[in-house]
Amino acid sequence: MNQIIRHGKVVRSALGITVKDADAEDAAYVGLDAVAGVRVDGFGEDSPAKRAGLLPGDVIVAIDGQPMKYTAQLQQAIAFKDPGTTVAVAVARGTGRKEFTVRISAIPNDAEEVAAAPVEKKKP
């Protein structure tokens, strides 16, 4: 509701990554005591997370100090923040931890993209 009042529409943000829940092998590889976190599998085009220095295989363990245990929790932590906001992303990498500052970006609105697409007129 707040976003509709402020922007006239819902605006969702993203880190620009593809992810999956970390499994036991991921946790062991990065030295986690428990199976938790979200593994970075890849990056979208012009990814804010990639620009900030995250790498495939990193396991995101916290956003702004809040522990991240699974993918949906990460999505919720990022999606409704305003685009351009910076977040602290803590990752487990190798046997250490690193923290990155990521300026999140807006997810393009599918409805806007469809509305902006040229319409091919059918001949009678």
N, C-alpha and C. Protein backbone atom coordinates (compact mmCIF):
# COMPACT_ATOMS: atom_id res chain seq x y z
N MET A 1 0.82 -1.19 0.00
CA MET A 1 0.00 0.00 0.00
C MET A 1 0.87 1.26 0.00
N ASN A 2 1.92 1.25 0.82
CA ASN A 2 2.80 2.42 0.89
C ASN A 2 3.44 2.72 -0.47
N GLN A 3 3.82 1.67 -1.20
CA GLN A 3 4.43 1.90 -2.51
C GLN A 3 3.43 2.47 -3.50
N ILE A 4 2.20 2.01 -3.45
CA ILE A 4 1.18 2.54 -4.35
C ILE A 4 0.94 4.01 -4.05
N ILE A 5 0.92 4.36 -2.78
CA ILE A 5 0.75 5.77 -2.40
C ILE A 5 1.93 6.60 -2.89
N ARG A 6 3.16 6.10 -2.67
CA ARG A 6 4.36 6.86 -3.04
C ARG A 6 4.63 6.88 -4.54
N HIS A 7 4.46 5.71 -5.20
CA HIS A 7 4.88 5.60 -6.60
C HIS A 7 3.73 5.43 -7.58
N GLY A 8 2.54 5.16 -7.08
CA GLY A 8 1.41 4.90 -7.96
C GLY A 8 1.39 3.48 -8.48
N LYS A 9 2.32 2.65 -8.02
CA LYS A 9 2.41 1.25 -8.44
C LYS A 9 3.32 0.53 -7.45
N VAL A 10 3.33 -0.79 -7.52
CA VAL A 10 4.24 -1.59 -6.71
C VAL A 10 5.57 -1.68 -7.44
N VAL A 11 6.63 -1.34 -6.75
CA VAL A 11 7.97 -1.39 -7.30
C VAL A 11 8.76 -2.42 -6.50
N ARG A 12 9.29 -3.42 -7.18
CA ARG A 12 10.08 -4.45 -6.49
C ARG A 12 11.54 -4.30 -6.87
N SER A 13 12.38 -4.63 -5.92
CA SER A 13 13.83 -4.50 -6.11
C SER A 13 14.49 -5.87 -6.11
N ALA A 14 15.73 -5.89 -6.63
CA ALA A 14 16.47 -7.15 -6.71
C ALA A 14 17.96 -6.92 -6.62
N LEU A 15 18.67 -7.99 -6.29
CA LEU A 15 20.12 -7.98 -6.29
C LEU A 15 20.68 -8.35 -7.66
N GLY A 16 19.83 -8.91 -8.54
CA GLY A 16 20.28 -9.32 -9.87
C GLY A 16 21.01 -10.65 -9.84
N ILE A 17 20.53 -11.59 -9.03
CA ILE A 17 21.18 -12.89 -8.92
C ILE A 17 20.17 -14.02 -9.10
N THR A 18 20.68 -15.18 -9.51
CA THR A 18 19.88 -16.40 -9.45
C THR A 18 20.42 -17.19 -8.27
N VAL A 19 19.50 -17.79 -7.51
CA VAL A 19 19.88 -18.40 -6.24
C VAL A 19 19.18 -19.73 -6.02
N LYS A 20 19.63 -20.45 -5.03
CA LYS A 20 18.95 -21.63 -4.51
C LYS A 20 19.31 -21.75 -3.04
N ASP A 21 18.46 -22.44 -2.29
CA ASP A 21 18.76 -22.66 -0.89
C ASP A 21 20.07 -23.43 -0.78
N ALA A 22 20.91 -23.04 0.17
CA ALA A 22 22.15 -23.75 0.39
C ALA A 22 21.84 -25.16 0.89
N ASP A 23 22.64 -26.13 0.46
CA ASP A 23 22.46 -27.50 0.94
C ASP A 23 23.65 -27.88 1.82
N ALA A 24 23.67 -29.12 2.29
CA ALA A 24 24.72 -29.57 3.21
C ALA A 24 26.11 -29.43 2.58
N GLU A 25 26.21 -29.73 1.29
CA GLU A 25 27.50 -29.61 0.60
C GLU A 25 27.97 -28.16 0.55
N ASP A 26 27.04 -27.24 0.25
CA ASP A 26 27.39 -25.81 0.23
C ASP A 26 27.87 -25.36 1.60
N ALA A 27 27.12 -25.75 2.64
CA ALA A 27 27.47 -25.35 4.01
C ALA A 27 28.85 -25.86 4.39
N ALA A 28 29.14 -27.11 4.07
CA ALA A 28 30.45 -27.67 4.39
C ALA A 28 31.56 -26.95 3.62
N TYR A 29 31.32 -26.64 2.35
CA TYR A 29 32.31 -26.00 1.50
C TYR A 29 32.71 -24.61 2.03
N VAL A 30 31.73 -23.85 2.54
CA VAL A 30 32.03 -22.50 3.02
C VAL A 30 32.22 -22.43 4.53
N GLY A 31 32.21 -23.59 5.19
CA GLY A 31 32.52 -23.63 6.61
C GLY A 31 31.41 -23.21 7.55
N LEU A 32 30.15 -23.37 7.13
CA LEU A 32 29.04 -23.03 8.01
C LEU A 32 28.79 -24.17 9.00
N ASP A 33 28.39 -23.81 10.21
CA ASP A 33 28.09 -24.82 11.24
C ASP A 33 26.77 -25.52 10.98
N ALA A 34 25.84 -24.84 10.30
CA ALA A 34 24.51 -25.40 10.03
C ALA A 34 24.18 -25.17 8.56
N VAL A 35 23.23 -25.96 8.06
CA VAL A 35 22.78 -25.78 6.68
C VAL A 35 21.78 -24.63 6.67
N ALA A 36 22.24 -23.49 6.20
CA ALA A 36 21.40 -22.29 6.11
C ALA A 36 22.04 -21.34 5.13
N GLY A 37 21.24 -20.46 4.59
CA GLY A 37 21.77 -19.47 3.65
C GLY A 37 21.26 -19.73 2.25
N VAL A 38 21.67 -18.83 1.36
CA VAL A 38 21.20 -18.86 -0.02
C VAL A 38 22.43 -18.79 -0.93
N ARG A 39 22.61 -19.82 -1.77
CA ARG A 39 23.77 -19.87 -2.64
C ARG A 39 23.53 -19.07 -3.91
N VAL A 40 24.50 -18.28 -4.29
CA VAL A 40 24.47 -17.53 -5.54
C VAL A 40 24.86 -18.49 -6.67
N ASP A 41 23.93 -18.67 -7.63
CA ASP A 41 24.21 -19.55 -8.77
C ASP A 41 24.67 -18.77 -10.00
N GLY A 42 24.18 -17.54 -10.15
CA GLY A 42 24.54 -16.77 -11.33
C GLY A 42 24.03 -15.35 -11.20
N PHE A 43 24.19 -14.61 -12.29
CA PHE A 43 23.85 -13.19 -12.28
C PHE A 43 23.02 -12.82 -13.50
N GLY A 44 22.12 -11.89 -13.29
CA GLY A 44 21.36 -11.33 -14.40
C GLY A 44 22.19 -10.27 -15.10
N GLU A 45 21.64 -9.77 -16.19
CA GLU A 45 22.31 -8.71 -16.94
C GLU A 45 22.42 -7.47 -16.07
N ASP A 46 23.58 -6.84 -16.05
CA ASP A 46 23.82 -5.61 -15.29
C ASP A 46 23.48 -5.80 -13.81
N SER A 47 23.97 -6.88 -13.23
CA SER A 47 23.67 -7.27 -11.85
C SER A 47 24.34 -6.37 -10.81
N PRO A 48 23.56 -5.77 -9.91
CA PRO A 48 24.16 -4.98 -8.83
C PRO A 48 25.06 -5.82 -7.93
N ALA A 49 24.67 -7.06 -7.66
CA ALA A 49 25.47 -7.92 -6.79
C ALA A 49 26.81 -8.27 -7.43
N LYS A 50 26.81 -8.52 -8.73
CA LYS A 50 28.05 -8.82 -9.43
C LYS A 50 28.97 -7.61 -9.42
N ARG A 51 28.41 -6.42 -9.67
CA ARG A 51 29.22 -5.20 -9.63
C ARG A 51 29.84 -4.99 -8.25
N ALA A 52 29.12 -5.40 -7.20
CA ALA A 52 29.61 -5.21 -5.83
C ALA A 52 30.70 -6.21 -5.45
N GLY A 53 30.82 -7.32 -6.22
CA GLY A 53 31.89 -8.27 -5.95
C GLY A 53 31.46 -9.66 -5.53
N LEU A 54 30.15 -9.95 -5.47
CA LEU A 54 29.72 -11.30 -5.16
C LEU A 54 30.12 -12.24 -6.29
N LEU A 55 30.31 -13.51 -5.96
CA LEU A 55 30.73 -14.51 -6.93
C LEU A 55 29.79 -15.71 -6.90
N PRO A 56 29.69 -16.46 -8.01
CA PRO A 56 28.92 -17.71 -7.98
C PRO A 56 29.51 -18.62 -6.90
N GLY A 57 28.64 -19.28 -6.15
CA GLY A 57 29.08 -20.16 -5.07
C GLY A 57 29.08 -19.48 -3.71
N ASP A 58 29.07 -18.14 -3.68
CA ASP A 58 28.94 -17.45 -2.39
C ASP A 58 27.63 -17.87 -1.74
N VAL A 59 27.63 -18.01 -0.43
CA VAL A 59 26.41 -18.31 0.30
C VAL A 59 26.04 -17.07 1.10
N ILE A 60 24.91 -16.46 0.73
CA ILE A 60 24.44 -15.27 1.45
C ILE A 60 23.90 -15.71 2.79
N VAL A 61 24.48 -15.16 3.86
CA VAL A 61 24.08 -15.56 5.21
C VAL A 61 23.34 -14.45 5.96
N ALA A 62 23.43 -13.20 5.46
CA ALA A 62 22.72 -12.11 6.13
C ALA A 62 22.54 -10.94 5.18
N ILE A 63 21.43 -10.22 5.38
CA ILE A 63 21.16 -8.95 4.68
C ILE A 63 20.92 -7.92 5.77
N ASP A 64 21.71 -6.86 5.76
CA ASP A 64 21.61 -5.80 6.78
C ASP A 64 21.60 -6.38 8.19
N GLY A 65 22.43 -7.40 8.42
CA GLY A 65 22.55 -8.00 9.74
C GLY A 65 21.49 -9.03 10.09
N GLN A 66 20.47 -9.19 9.24
CA GLN A 66 19.41 -10.18 9.47
C GLN A 66 19.82 -11.51 8.85
N PRO A 67 19.89 -12.59 9.63
CA PRO A 67 20.27 -13.88 9.06
C PRO A 67 19.31 -14.31 7.95
N MET A 68 19.87 -14.86 6.89
CA MET A 68 19.08 -15.39 5.77
C MET A 68 19.24 -16.91 5.78
N LYS A 69 18.11 -17.61 5.91
CA LYS A 69 18.17 -19.06 5.98
C LYS A 69 17.71 -19.74 4.70
N TYR A 70 16.86 -19.06 3.90
CA TYR A 70 16.33 -19.68 2.69
C TYR A 70 15.94 -18.60 1.68
N THR A 71 15.72 -19.02 0.44
CA THR A 71 15.51 -18.13 -0.69
C THR A 71 14.34 -17.15 -0.49
N ALA A 72 13.18 -17.64 -0.07
CA ALA A 72 12.02 -16.76 0.08
C ALA A 72 12.29 -15.65 1.10
N GLN A 73 13.04 -15.95 2.12
CA GLN A 73 13.39 -14.94 3.12
C GLN A 73 14.27 -13.85 2.50
N LEU A 74 15.21 -14.25 1.67
CA LEU A 74 16.06 -13.29 0.96
C LEU A 74 15.23 -12.42 0.03
N GLN A 75 14.34 -13.05 -0.73
CA GLN A 75 13.50 -12.29 -1.65
C GLN A 75 12.65 -11.27 -0.90
N GLN A 76 12.09 -11.66 0.22
CA GLN A 76 11.27 -10.75 1.02
C GLN A 76 12.11 -9.59 1.57
N ALA A 77 13.34 -9.89 1.97
CA ALA A 77 14.21 -8.86 2.54
C ALA A 77 14.59 -7.79 1.52
N ILE A 78 14.61 -8.15 0.24
CA ILE A 78 15.04 -7.23 -0.80
C ILE A 78 13.89 -6.62 -1.60
N ALA A 79 12.89 -7.40 -1.92
CA ALA A 79 11.87 -7.03 -2.91
C ALA A 79 11.18 -5.70 -2.66
N PHE A 80 10.85 -5.36 -1.43
CA PHE A 80 10.08 -4.15 -1.18
C PHE A 80 10.92 -2.98 -0.70
N LYS A 81 12.24 -3.10 -0.77
CA LYS A 81 13.09 -1.93 -0.51
C LYS A 81 13.06 -1.04 -1.74
N ASP A 82 13.26 0.22 -1.56
CA ASP A 82 13.26 1.15 -2.69
C ASP A 82 14.49 0.91 -3.57
N PRO A 83 14.30 0.91 -4.89
CA PRO A 83 15.45 0.81 -5.79
C PRO A 83 16.44 1.92 -5.48
N GLY A 84 17.72 1.60 -5.55
CA GLY A 84 18.76 2.58 -5.24
C GLY A 84 19.22 2.51 -3.80
N THR A 85 18.46 1.80 -2.96
CA THR A 85 18.84 1.61 -1.57
C THR A 85 20.08 0.72 -1.52
N THR A 86 20.97 0.96 -0.57
CA THR A 86 22.10 0.07 -0.40
C THR A 86 21.82 -0.88 0.76
N VAL A 87 22.26 -2.12 0.59
CA VAL A 87 22.11 -3.13 1.62
C VAL A 87 23.46 -3.78 1.88
N ALA A 88 23.67 -4.20 3.12
CA ALA A 88 24.87 -4.94 3.48
C ALA A 88 24.58 -6.42 3.27
N VAL A 89 25.37 -7.06 2.41
CA VAL A 89 25.18 -8.47 2.09
C VAL A 89 26.38 -9.23 2.64
N ALA A 90 26.13 -10.08 3.65
CA ALA A 90 27.19 -10.89 4.23
C ALA A 90 27.17 -12.26 3.57
N VAL A 91 28.33 -12.71 3.12
CA VAL A 91 28.43 -14.01 2.46
C VAL A 91 29.50 -14.85 3.12
N ALA A 92 29.29 -16.16 3.04
CA ALA A 92 30.33 -17.12 3.40
C ALA A 92 30.98 -17.52 2.08
N ARG A 93 32.32 -17.44 2.05
CA ARG A 93 33.08 -17.77 0.83
C ARG A 93 34.34 -18.50 1.26
N GLY A 94 34.56 -19.67 0.68
CA GLY A 94 35.71 -20.46 1.12
C GLY A 94 35.51 -20.80 2.59
N THR A 95 36.46 -20.45 3.42
CA THR A 95 36.28 -20.69 4.86
C THR A 95 36.15 -19.38 5.62
N GLY A 96 35.89 -18.29 4.90
CA GLY A 96 35.79 -16.99 5.55
C GLY A 96 34.45 -16.33 5.28
N ARG A 97 34.32 -15.13 5.80
CA ARG A 97 33.12 -14.32 5.59
C ARG A 97 33.55 -12.99 4.98
N LYS A 98 32.69 -12.47 4.12
CA LYS A 98 32.92 -11.16 3.51
C LYS A 98 31.61 -10.40 3.55
N GLU A 99 31.71 -9.08 3.59
CA GLU A 99 30.51 -8.25 3.53
C GLU A 99 30.65 -7.27 2.37
N PHE A 100 29.56 -7.14 1.62
CA PHE A 100 29.53 -6.27 0.45
C PHE A 100 28.39 -5.27 0.61
N THR A 101 28.59 -4.09 0.08
CA THR A 101 27.52 -3.10 0.01
C THR A 101 26.98 -3.13 -1.41
N VAL A 102 25.67 -3.43 -1.54
CA VAL A 102 25.05 -3.57 -2.85
C VAL A 102 23.94 -2.54 -2.98
N ARG A 103 23.98 -1.78 -4.06
CA ARG A 103 22.90 -0.83 -4.38
C ARG A 103 21.89 -1.58 -5.24
N ILE A 104 20.73 -1.91 -4.64
CA ILE A 104 19.75 -2.74 -5.34
C ILE A 104 19.06 -1.95 -6.46
N SER A 105 18.54 -2.70 -7.43
CA SER A 105 17.88 -2.06 -8.57
C SER A 105 16.45 -2.55 -8.68
N ALA A 106 15.65 -1.82 -9.47
CA ALA A 106 14.24 -2.17 -9.67
C ALA A 106 14.13 -3.35 -10.63
N ILE A 107 13.15 -4.21 -10.36
CA ILE A 107 12.80 -5.26 -11.29
C ILE A 107 11.86 -4.64 -12.31
N PRO A 108 12.14 -4.81 -13.61
CA PRO A 108 11.22 -4.25 -14.60
C PRO A 108 9.81 -4.81 -14.40
N ASN A 109 8.82 -3.96 -14.56
CA ASN A 109 7.42 -4.35 -14.40
C ASN A 109 6.96 -5.01 -15.69
N ASP A 110 6.57 -6.29 -15.60
CA ASP A 110 6.13 -7.03 -16.78
C ASP A 110 4.98 -6.33 -17.49
N ALA A 111 4.02 -5.78 -16.74
CA ALA A 111 2.87 -5.12 -17.34
C ALA A 111 3.30 -3.90 -18.13
N GLU A 112 4.29 -3.15 -17.61
CA GLU A 112 4.78 -1.97 -18.33
C GLU A 112 5.50 -2.39 -19.60
N GLU A 113 6.27 -3.49 -19.55
CA GLU A 113 6.97 -3.95 -20.73
C GLU A 113 6.00 -4.39 -21.81
N VAL A 114 4.92 -5.07 -21.41
CA VAL A 114 3.92 -5.51 -22.37
C VAL A 114 3.22 -4.30 -22.97
N ALA A 115 2.88 -3.31 -22.15
CA ALA A 115 2.19 -2.12 -22.63
C ALA A 115 3.09 -1.32 -23.58
N ALA A 116 4.39 -1.34 -23.36
CA ALA A 116 5.31 -0.57 -24.20
C ALA A 116 5.70 -1.29 -25.49
N ALA A 117 5.41 -2.58 -25.56
CA ALA A 117 5.77 -3.36 -26.75
C ALA A 117 4.92 -2.95 -27.93
N PRO A 118 5.51 -2.90 -29.12
CA PRO A 118 4.72 -2.54 -30.30
C PRO A 118 3.66 -3.60 -30.58
N VAL A 119 2.52 -3.16 -31.00
CA VAL A 119 1.40 -4.06 -31.29
C VAL A 119 1.33 -4.26 -32.80
N GLU A 120 1.34 -5.51 -33.20
CA GLU A 120 1.23 -5.82 -34.63
C GLU A 120 -0.26 -5.91 -34.97
N LYS A 121 -0.67 -5.09 -35.92
CA LYS A 121 -2.08 -5.07 -36.30
C LYS A 121 -2.33 -6.16 -37.33
N LYS A 122 -3.44 -6.87 -37.12
CA LYS A 122 -3.83 -7.91 -38.06
C LYS A 122 -4.57 -7.28 -39.24
N LYS A 123 -4.31 -7.82 -40.40
CA LYS A 123 -5.00 -7.34 -41.60
C LYS A 123 -6.36 -8.03 -41.68
N PRO A 124 -7.41 -7.29 -42.08
CA PRO A 124 -8.75 -7.90 -42.15
C PRO A 124 -8.87 -8.93 -43.23
